[in-house]
Amino acid sequence: MTITEPTACRHCGVPQREHMQRWTTEAGWHQWTEPTQQQIKDRMRARAARD
C-alpha cells in the first residue's frame, strides 16, 4: 500500500518537488496545490498506522 506524503498535492498526491503540472479529472491541469489541514492530518495518521 502506498502512503501519500503528508504535504503532497491536494489534488493528485504528488510531492511538490516532483509535481510541475499534472492532470486529474477533479482539477484538470493544475500546479501543485497545498493540501488541506485535514488531508495532512489524514495522511500522517495513515503513515503512522502503517509503521
N, C-alpha and C. Protein backbone atom coordinates (compact mmCIF):
# COMPACT_ATOMS: atom_id res chain seq x y z
N MET A 1 0.84 -1.18 0.00
CA MET A 1 0.00 0.00 0.00
C MET A 1 0.88 1.24 0.00
N THR A 2 0.59 2.17 -0.89
CA THR A 2 1.35 3.40 -0.98
C THR A 2 0.70 4.47 -0.12
N ILE A 3 1.49 5.08 0.74
CA ILE A 3 1.00 6.17 1.58
C ILE A 3 1.49 7.48 0.98
N THR A 4 0.57 8.41 0.76
CA THR A 4 0.91 9.71 0.18
C THR A 4 1.65 10.56 1.20
N GLU A 5 2.69 11.24 0.74
CA GLU A 5 3.44 12.17 1.58
C GLU A 5 2.47 13.20 2.15
N PRO A 6 2.56 13.54 3.44
CA PRO A 6 1.58 14.45 4.05
C PRO A 6 1.41 15.79 3.34
N THR A 7 2.47 16.34 2.79
CA THR A 7 2.38 17.65 2.17
C THR A 7 2.29 17.58 0.65
N ALA A 8 1.96 16.42 0.11
CA ALA A 8 1.82 16.27 -1.34
C ALA A 8 0.59 17.04 -1.84
N CYS A 9 0.50 17.19 -3.13
CA CYS A 9 -0.56 17.97 -3.77
C CYS A 9 -1.95 17.58 -3.28
N ARG A 10 -2.78 18.56 -3.09
CA ARG A 10 -4.16 18.37 -2.66
C ARG A 10 -4.95 17.51 -3.64
N HIS A 11 -4.69 17.66 -4.93
CA HIS A 11 -5.50 17.02 -5.95
C HIS A 11 -5.01 15.64 -6.37
N CYS A 12 -3.69 15.45 -6.44
CA CYS A 12 -3.19 14.20 -7.02
C CYS A 12 -2.21 13.44 -6.13
N GLY A 13 -1.75 14.04 -5.04
CA GLY A 13 -0.87 13.33 -4.12
C GLY A 13 0.59 13.27 -4.53
N VAL A 14 0.99 14.02 -5.55
CA VAL A 14 2.38 14.04 -5.98
C VAL A 14 3.13 15.09 -5.15
N PRO A 15 4.33 14.76 -4.64
CA PRO A 15 5.10 15.72 -3.85
C PRO A 15 5.41 16.99 -4.66
N GLN A 16 5.50 18.10 -3.98
CA GLN A 16 5.72 19.41 -4.62
C GLN A 16 6.96 19.40 -5.50
N ARG A 17 8.03 18.83 -5.03
CA ARG A 17 9.30 18.86 -5.76
C ARG A 17 9.21 18.15 -7.11
N GLU A 18 8.37 17.14 -7.21
CA GLU A 18 8.25 16.34 -8.44
C GLU A 18 7.05 16.74 -9.30
N HIS A 19 6.28 17.72 -8.87
CA HIS A 19 4.97 17.96 -9.44
C HIS A 19 4.94 18.59 -10.82
N MET A 20 5.47 19.75 -10.99
CA MET A 20 5.34 20.55 -12.21
C MET A 20 3.86 20.74 -12.54
N GLN A 21 3.36 20.16 -13.63
CA GLN A 21 1.94 20.31 -13.98
C GLN A 21 1.35 18.92 -14.20
N ARG A 22 0.19 18.67 -13.64
CA ARG A 22 -0.44 17.35 -13.71
C ARG A 22 -1.91 17.48 -14.09
N TRP A 23 -2.48 16.35 -14.49
CA TRP A 23 -3.89 16.29 -14.87
C TRP A 23 -4.63 15.36 -13.92
N THR A 24 -5.78 15.79 -13.44
CA THR A 24 -6.71 14.92 -12.73
C THR A 24 -8.11 15.29 -13.21
N THR A 25 -9.03 14.35 -13.14
CA THR A 25 -10.39 14.66 -13.55
C THR A 25 -11.02 15.69 -12.61
N GLU A 26 -10.62 15.67 -11.35
CA GLU A 26 -11.16 16.62 -10.36
C GLU A 26 -10.70 18.04 -10.63
N ALA A 27 -9.40 18.21 -10.91
CA ALA A 27 -8.83 19.56 -11.01
C ALA A 27 -8.38 19.93 -12.42
N GLY A 28 -8.41 19.00 -13.36
CA GLY A 28 -7.90 19.27 -14.70
C GLY A 28 -6.39 19.48 -14.63
N TRP A 29 -5.85 20.29 -15.55
CA TRP A 29 -4.43 20.62 -15.49
C TRP A 29 -4.22 21.55 -14.29
N HIS A 30 -3.27 21.23 -13.47
CA HIS A 30 -3.05 22.04 -12.28
C HIS A 30 -1.59 22.01 -11.85
N GLN A 31 -1.19 23.03 -11.12
CA GLN A 31 0.11 23.06 -10.49
C GLN A 31 -0.05 22.50 -9.08
N TRP A 32 1.07 22.27 -8.40
CA TRP A 32 0.99 21.78 -7.03
C TRP A 32 0.13 22.73 -6.21
N THR A 33 -0.78 22.15 -5.45
CA THR A 33 -1.67 22.93 -4.59
C THR A 33 -1.53 22.41 -3.18
N GLU A 34 -1.35 23.32 -2.24
CA GLU A 34 -1.18 22.93 -0.84
C GLU A 34 -2.37 22.09 -0.39
N PRO A 35 -2.08 20.97 0.30
CA PRO A 35 -3.18 20.14 0.80
C PRO A 35 -3.90 20.83 1.95
N THR A 36 -5.13 20.41 2.20
CA THR A 36 -5.87 20.96 3.34
C THR A 36 -5.26 20.42 4.63
N GLN A 37 -5.54 21.08 5.72
CA GLN A 37 -5.05 20.60 7.01
C GLN A 37 -5.60 19.21 7.30
N GLN A 38 -6.84 18.95 6.91
CA GLN A 38 -7.43 17.63 7.12
C GLN A 38 -6.71 16.56 6.30
N GLN A 39 -6.34 16.88 5.06
CA GLN A 39 -5.59 15.92 4.24
C GLN A 39 -4.25 15.61 4.88
N ILE A 40 -3.56 16.64 5.36
CA ILE A 40 -2.26 16.43 6.01
C ILE A 40 -2.43 15.52 7.22
N LYS A 41 -3.41 15.81 8.03
CA LYS A 41 -3.67 15.02 9.23
C LYS A 41 -3.98 13.57 8.86
N ASP A 42 -4.86 13.36 7.89
CA ASP A 42 -5.23 12.01 7.47
C ASP A 42 -4.03 11.24 6.91
N ARG A 43 -3.21 11.91 6.13
CA ARG A 43 -2.02 11.26 5.56
C ARG A 43 -1.01 10.90 6.64
N MET A 44 -0.85 11.77 7.63
CA MET A 44 0.07 11.47 8.73
C MET A 44 -0.43 10.29 9.56
N ARG A 45 -1.73 10.24 9.79
CA ARG A 45 -2.31 9.11 10.53
C ARG A 45 -2.15 7.81 9.77
N ALA A 46 -2.34 7.84 8.45
CA ALA A 46 -2.18 6.64 7.62
C ALA A 46 -0.74 6.16 7.67
N ARG A 47 0.21 7.10 7.63
CA ARG A 47 1.62 6.71 7.68
C ARG A 47 1.97 6.12 9.04
N ALA A 48 1.44 6.70 10.11
CA ALA A 48 1.70 6.17 11.45
C ALA A 48 1.09 4.79 11.65
N ALA A 49 -0.09 4.59 11.08
CA ALA A 49 -0.76 3.29 11.21
C ALA A 49 -0.01 2.20 10.44
N ARG A 50 0.64 2.59 9.36
CA ARG A 50 1.42 1.63 8.56
C ARG A 50 2.65 1.16 9.32
N ASP A 51 3.27 2.06 10.07
CA ASP A 51 4.53 1.73 10.78
C ASP A 51 4.29 1.02 12.05
